[in-house]
C-alpha atoms as a PDB file:
ATOM      1  CA  MET A   1      13.167 -11.525  11.350  1.00  0.00           C
ATOM      2  CA  THR A   2      13.437 -14.644   8.974  1.00  0.00           C
ATOM      3  CA  ALA A   3      10.233 -15.675   6.509  1.00  0.00           C
ATOM      4  CA  THR A   4      10.446 -18.967   8.193  1.00  0.00           C
ATOM      5  CA  THR A   5       9.811 -17.264  11.586  1.00  0.00           C
ATOM      6  CA  VAL A   6       7.211 -15.092  10.091  1.00  0.00           C
ATOM      7  CA  GLN A   7       5.844 -18.447   8.809  1.00  0.00           C
ATOM      8  CA  ALA A   8       6.012 -20.166  12.317  1.00  0.00           C
ATOM      9  CA  LEU A   9       4.065 -17.036  13.952  1.00  0.00           C
ATOM     10  CA  LEU A  10       1.431 -17.315  11.486  1.00  0.00           C
ATOM     11  CA  GLU A  11       1.000 -21.060  12.052  1.00  0.00           C
ATOM     12  CA  ASP A  12       1.248 -21.565  15.675  1.00  0.00           C
ATOM     13  CA  GLY A  13      -1.576 -19.048  16.209  1.00  0.00           C
ATOM     14  CA  LYS A  14       0.912 -16.072  18.124  1.00  0.00           C
ATOM     15  CA  LEU A  15      -0.249 -13.640  15.643  1.00  0.00           C
ATOM     16  CA  ALA A  16      -3.713 -14.708  15.795  1.00  0.00           C
ATOM     17  CA  GLY A  17      -6.150 -11.528  16.012  1.00  0.00           C
ATOM     18  CA  SER A  18      -7.556  -8.485  15.242  1.00  0.00           C
ATOM     19  CA  TRP A  19      -5.029  -5.528  14.438  1.00  0.00           C
ATOM     20  CA  THR A  20      -5.250  -2.259  13.458  1.00  0.00           C
ATOM     21  CA  LEU A  21      -2.898   0.048  11.600  1.00  0.00           C
ATOM     22  CA  ASP A  22      -1.552   2.645  13.572  1.00  0.00           C
ATOM     23  CA  ALA A  23      -2.109   6.217  11.165  1.00  0.00           C
ATOM     24  CA  THR A  24       0.530   8.356  13.326  1.00  0.00           C
ATOM     25  CA  ARG A  25       3.702   5.855  12.780  1.00  0.00           C
ATOM     26  CA  SER A  26       2.027   4.673   9.069  1.00  0.00           C
ATOM     27  CA  GLU A  27       2.997   6.137   5.782  1.00  0.00           C
ATOM     28  CA  VAL A  28       1.756   5.667   2.181  1.00  0.00           C
ATOM     29  CA  ARG A  29       4.200   7.766  -0.412  1.00  0.00           C
ATOM     30  CA  LEU A  30       3.512   8.206  -4.033  1.00  0.00           C
ATOM     31  CA  GLU A  31       6.728   8.366  -6.501  1.00  0.00           C
ATOM     32  CA  THR A  32       6.500   9.268 -10.274  1.00  0.00           C
ATOM     33  CA  ARG A  33       7.900  11.345 -12.805  1.00  0.00           C
ATOM     34  CA  HIS A  34       6.887  14.337 -15.036  1.00  0.00           C
ATOM     35  CA  THR A  35       8.171  16.291 -17.662  1.00  0.00           C
ATOM     36  CA  TRP A  36       9.032  13.844 -20.025  1.00  0.00           C
ATOM     37  CA  GLY A  37      10.832  11.468 -17.038  1.00  0.00           C
ATOM     38  CA  LEU A  38      13.172  14.360 -15.949  1.00  0.00           C
ATOM     39  CA  ARG A  39      12.018  15.158 -12.802  1.00  0.00           C
ATOM     40  CA  PRO A  40      10.799  13.073  -9.845  1.00  0.00           C
ATOM     41  CA  LEU A  41       7.439  13.668  -8.158  1.00  0.00           C
ATOM     42  CA  HIS A  42       6.754  12.847  -4.455  1.00  0.00           C
ATOM     43  CA  GLY A  43       3.658  13.029  -2.645  1.00  0.00           C
ATOM     44  CA  VAL A  44       2.117  11.856   0.542  1.00  0.00           C
ATOM     45  CA  PHE A  45      -1.199  10.529   1.725  1.00  0.00           C
ATOM     46  CA  ARG A  46      -1.889  12.355   4.880  1.00  0.00           C
ATOM     47  CA  GLN A  47      -4.713  10.036   6.050  1.00  0.00           C
ATOM     48  CA  VAL A  48      -4.441   6.341   6.063  1.00  0.00           C
ATOM     49  CA  SER A  49      -6.353   3.747   8.076  1.00  0.00           C
ATOM     50  CA  GLY A  50      -6.422  -0.027   8.132  1.00  0.00           C
ATOM     51  CA  SER A  51      -7.201  -3.306   9.867  1.00  0.00           C
ATOM     52  CA  GLY A  52      -6.951  -7.090   9.693  1.00  0.00           C
ATOM     53  CA  THR A  53      -7.444 -10.453  11.149  1.00  0.00           C
ATOM     54  CA  VAL A  54      -4.950 -13.369  11.546  1.00  0.00           C
ATOM     55  CA  THR A  55      -6.956 -16.599  12.298  1.00  0.00           C
ATOM     56  CA  THR A  56      -5.591 -19.428  14.204  1.00  0.00           C
ATOM     57  CA  ALA A  57      -4.563 -20.965  10.958  1.00  0.00           C
ATOM     58  CA  GLY A  58      -2.507 -18.329  10.074  1.00  0.00           C
ATOM     59  CA  ASP A  59      -5.284 -17.101   7.204  1.00  0.00           C
ATOM     60  CA  VAL A  60      -4.786 -12.971   6.540  1.00  0.00           C
ATOM     61  CA  SER A  61      -7.468 -10.744   5.559  1.00  0.00           C
ATOM     62  CA  GLY A  62      -7.667  -6.859   6.204  1.00  0.00           C
ATOM     63  CA  VAL A  63      -8.143  -3.692   4.368  1.00  0.00           C
ATOM     64  CA  VAL A  64      -5.805  -0.244   3.820  1.00  0.00           C
ATOM     65  CA  THR A  65      -7.503   2.512   3.328  1.00  0.00           C
ATOM     66  CA  VAL A  66      -5.829   6.011   2.048  1.00  0.00           C
ATOM     67  CA  ALA A  67      -7.969   9.326   1.580  1.00  0.00           C
ATOM     68  CA  ALA A  68      -7.391   9.651  -1.867  1.00  0.00           C
ATOM     69  CA  GLY A  69      -8.231  13.631  -1.025  1.00  0.00           C
ATOM     70  CA  SER A  70      -5.254  13.976   1.769  1.00  0.00           C
ATOM     71  CA  ILE A  71      -2.536  13.804  -1.059  1.00  0.00           C
ATOM     72  CA  ASP A  72       0.267  16.464  -0.158  1.00  0.00           C
ATOM     73  CA  THR A  73       2.875  17.226  -3.015  1.00  0.00           C
ATOM     74  CA  LYS A  74       3.875  20.625  -1.176  1.00  0.00           C
ATOM     75  CA  ASN A  75       2.552  22.171  -4.768  1.00  0.00           C
ATOM     76  CA  SER A  76      -1.570  23.143  -3.743  1.00  0.00           C
ATOM     77  CA  THR A  77      -2.215  23.742  -7.186  1.00  0.00           C
ATOM     78  CA  ARG A  78      -0.970  20.230  -8.302  1.00  0.00           C
ATOM     79  CA  ASP A  79      -2.681  18.808  -5.273  1.00  0.00           C
ATOM     80  CA  LYS A  80      -5.717  20.339  -6.667  1.00  0.00           C
ATOM     81  CA  HIS A  81      -5.556  18.974  -9.848  1.00  0.00           C
ATOM     82  CA  LEU A  82      -4.852  15.568  -8.770  1.00  0.00           C
ATOM     83  CA  ARG A  83      -7.733  15.442  -6.612  1.00  0.00           C
ATOM     84  CA  SER A  84      -9.986  16.510  -9.794  1.00  0.00           C
ATOM     85  CA  ALA A  85     -11.663  14.000 -12.216  1.00  0.00           C
ATOM     86  CA  ASP A  86      -8.466  14.140 -14.384  1.00  0.00           C
ATOM     87  CA  PHE A  87      -6.668  12.114 -11.892  1.00  0.00           C
ATOM     88  CA  PHE A  88      -8.346  10.747  -8.502  1.00  0.00           C
ATOM     89  CA  ASP A  89     -12.088  11.987  -8.918  1.00  0.00           C
ATOM     90  CA  ILE A  90     -12.320  12.516  -5.114  1.00  0.00           C
ATOM     91  CA  ALA A  91     -15.853  13.630  -5.335  1.00  0.00           C
ATOM     92  CA  SER A  92     -16.921  10.138  -7.024  1.00  0.00           C
ATOM     93  CA  HIS A  93     -13.925   8.273  -5.447  1.00  0.00           C
ATOM     94  CA  PRO A  94     -12.805   9.351  -2.191  1.00  0.00           C
ATOM     95  CA  ASP A  95     -10.583   6.522  -1.158  1.00  0.00           C
ATOM     96  CA  LEU A  96      -8.383   4.194  -2.542  1.00  0.00           C
ATOM     97  CA  THR A  97      -8.128   0.718  -1.233  1.00  0.00           C
ATOM     98  CA  PHE A  98      -5.814  -1.980  -0.710  1.00  0.00           C
ATOM     99  CA  ALA A  99      -7.989  -5.311   0.255  1.00  0.00           C
ATOM    100  CA  VAL A 100      -5.587  -7.977   1.503  1.00  0.00           C
ATOM    101  CA  ASP A 101      -6.684 -11.586   1.116  1.00  0.00           C
ATOM    102  CA  GLY A 102      -3.145 -13.628   1.895  1.00  0.00           C
ATOM    103  CA  VAL A 103       0.198 -13.233   3.194  1.00  0.00           C
ATOM    104  CA  ALA A 104       2.946 -16.107   2.626  1.00  0.00           C
ATOM    105  CA  PRO A 105       7.086 -16.144   2.829  1.00  0.00           C
ATOM    106  CA  ASP A 106       8.265 -14.532  -0.416  1.00  0.00           C
ATOM    107  CA  ASP A 107       8.878 -17.715  -2.787  1.00  0.00           C
ATOM    108  CA  GLY A 108      12.129 -15.973  -3.982  1.00  0.00           C
ATOM    109  CA  ALA A 109      13.327 -15.275  -0.509  1.00  0.00           C
ATOM    110  CA  THR A 110      15.922 -16.770   1.142  1.00  0.00           C
ATOM    111  CA  PRO A 111      15.227 -18.382   4.323  1.00  0.00           C
ATOM    112  CA  ALA A 112      17.042 -15.249   6.568  1.00  0.00           C
ATOM    113  CA  ASP A 113      15.476 -12.972   4.307  1.00  0.00           C
ATOM    114  CA  GLY A 114      12.345 -11.326   6.164  1.00  0.00           C
ATOM    115  CA  ARG A 115      10.685 -10.926   3.228  1.00  0.00           C
ATOM    116  CA  VAL A 116       6.595 -11.679   2.420  1.00  0.00           C
ATOM    117  CA  ARG A 117       4.569 -11.709  -0.205  1.00  0.00           C
ATOM    118  CA  VAL A 118       1.080  -9.873  -0.054  1.00  0.00           C
ATOM    119  CA  THR A 119      -1.701 -10.735  -2.153  1.00  0.00           C
ATOM    120  CA  GLY A 120      -4.963  -8.796  -2.947  1.00  0.00           C
ATOM    121  CA  SER A 121      -6.803  -5.896  -4.656  1.00  0.00           C
ATOM    122  CA  LEU A 122      -6.549  -2.425  -5.224  1.00  0.00           C
ATOM    123  CA  THR A 123      -9.170  -0.301  -6.191  1.00  0.00           C
ATOM    124  CA  VAL A 124      -9.086   3.174  -7.045  1.00  0.00           C
ATOM    125  CA  ARG A 125     -11.624   5.366  -9.130  1.00  0.00           C
ATOM    126  CA  GLY A 126     -14.116   2.312  -8.865  1.00  0.00           C
ATOM    127  CA  ARG A 127     -11.622   0.092 -10.732  1.00  0.00           C
ATOM    128  CA  THR A 128     -10.244  -3.044  -8.674  1.00  0.00           C
ATOM    129  CA  ARG A 129      -7.216  -4.895  -9.574  1.00  0.00           C
ATOM    130  CA  PRO A 130      -5.169  -7.994  -8.206  1.00  0.00           C
ATOM    131  CA  LEU A 131      -2.136  -6.965  -6.882  1.00  0.00           C
ATOM    132  CA  SER A 132       0.614  -8.705  -5.277  1.00  0.00           C
ATOM    133  CA  PHE A 133       4.085  -7.512  -3.496  1.00  0.00           C
ATOM    134  CA  ASP A 134       7.033  -8.257  -1.546  1.00  0.00           C
ATOM    135  CA  ALA A 135       7.449  -6.690   1.912  1.00  0.00           C
ATOM    136  CA  ALA A 136       9.994  -6.268   4.331  1.00  0.00           C
ATOM    137  CA  VAL A 137       8.557  -7.719   7.656  1.00  0.00           C
ATOM    138  CA  SER A 138       9.416  -7.457  11.198  1.00  0.00           C
ATOM    139  CA  ILE A 139       7.285  -8.249  14.238  1.00  0.00           C
ATOM    140  CA  ASP A 140       8.059  -7.453  18.138  1.00  0.00           C
ATOM    141  CA  ASP A 141       6.569  -5.760  20.952  1.00  0.00           C
ATOM    142  CA  GLY A 142       3.002  -6.594  19.812  1.00  0.00           C
ATOM    143  CA  GLU A 143       3.720  -4.978  16.589  1.00  0.00           C
ATOM    144  CA  VAL A 144       3.921  -5.988  12.825  1.00  0.00           C
ATOM    145  CA  ARG A 145       5.916  -3.361  10.805  1.00  0.00           C
ATOM    146  CA  LEU A 146       5.442  -4.109   6.710  1.00  0.00           C
ATOM    147  CA  GLU A 147       7.995  -1.686   4.413  1.00  0.00           C
ATOM    148  CA  ALA A 148       7.003  -2.160   0.581  1.00  0.00           C
ATOM    149  CA  GLU A 149       7.663  -0.592  -2.837  1.00  0.00           C
ATOM    150  CA  VAL A 150       4.534  -1.611  -4.820  1.00  0.00           C
ATOM    151  CA  PRO A 151       4.883  -0.672  -8.210  1.00  0.00           C
ATOM    152  CA  VAL A 152       1.655   0.764 -10.260  1.00  0.00           C
ATOM    153  CA  ASN A 153       0.468   1.584 -13.655  1.00  0.00           C
ATOM    154  CA  ARG A 154      -1.860   4.427 -13.314  1.00  0.00           C
ATOM    155  CA  ALA A 155      -3.619   3.427 -16.724  1.00  0.00           C
ATOM    156  CA  ASP A 156      -4.825   0.482 -15.473  1.00  0.00           C
ATOM    157  CA  PHE A 157      -7.335   2.518 -12.976  1.00  0.00           C
ATOM    158  CA  GLY A 158      -7.844   4.999 -15.583  1.00  0.00           C
ATOM    159  CA  LEU A 159      -5.737   7.650 -14.646  1.00  0.00           C
ATOM    160  CA  THR A 160      -4.366   8.213 -18.036  1.00  0.00           C
ATOM    161  CA  TYR A 161      -4.398  12.137 -18.296  1.00  0.00           C
ATOM    162  CA  SER A 162      -1.011  13.392 -19.440  1.00  0.00           C
ATOM    163  CA  PRO A 163      -1.107  16.147 -21.802  1.00  0.00           C
ATOM    164  CA  LEU A 164       1.635  15.740 -24.373  1.00  0.00           C
ATOM    165  CA  ARG A 165       2.600  12.308 -22.460  1.00  0.00           C
ATOM    166  CA  MET A 166       4.424  14.451 -19.654  1.00  0.00           C
ATOM    167  CA  ALA A 167       3.620  12.195 -16.806  1.00  0.00           C
ATOM    168  CA  SER A 168       4.710   8.910 -16.309  1.00  0.00           C
ATOM    169  CA  LEU A 169       2.046   6.074 -15.870  1.00  0.00           C
ATOM    170  CA  ASP A 170       4.665   4.170 -14.177  1.00  0.00           C
ATOM    171  CA  ASN A 171       4.313   4.916 -10.318  1.00  0.00           C
ATOM    172  CA  THR A 172       5.854   3.780  -6.894  1.00  0.00           C
ATOM    173  CA  ILE A 173       3.803   3.295  -3.592  1.00  0.00           C
ATOM    174  CA  THR A 174       6.162   3.174  -0.783  1.00  0.00           C
ATOM    175  CA  VAL A 175       4.242   1.670   2.127  1.00  0.00           C
ATOM    176  CA  HIS A 176       5.383   1.682   5.997  1.00  0.00           C
ATOM    177  CA  ALA A 177       2.634   0.031   7.831  1.00  0.00           C
ATOM    178  CA  VAL A 178       2.528  -0.269  11.697  1.00  0.00           C
ATOM    179  CA  PHE A 179      -0.014  -2.698  12.995  1.00  0.00           C
ATOM    180  CA  ALA A 180      -1.118  -3.119  16.636  1.00  0.00           C
ATOM    181  CA  ARG A 181      -2.739  -5.889  18.143  1.00  0.00           C
ATOM    182  CA  GLN A 182      -6.616  -4.659  19.202  1.00  0.00           C
END
């Protein structure tokens, strides 16, 4: 799938309609470093949902919701701490949301590159910040798949807890999203 093909599908209305995130085939992962950058930390959010709409003019909008409390780093003590007010504060802010307000071919991509630029806003702990990222896209059999690695600085969202500055503020959110037509 090329960026040009994706743009043509958006513009000719072939992708128009409502789309739902297939939570069983989609995944949102969190990657960072701790112990002063010496050790990687990987986690997966076990609960994701989402939906989107493509208009006949090719405009894309939607939302992906991640249950913050579903973080799983394979360490229950750490997961409990990540759910606490020091980090995600799930009692007050149970969800992380990304609201999509546009998808277009990536300006930096070659025409043969199947990459798009996704724009929108990310809300974590009640703080909303604009966020744009590049994603690889593939479309077939009534499905749209997006693959992306999204750099995020957690300080932008008030997640600054780091005794002795052990944990990095720079994180990567890895997204594998499968959308099916409703």
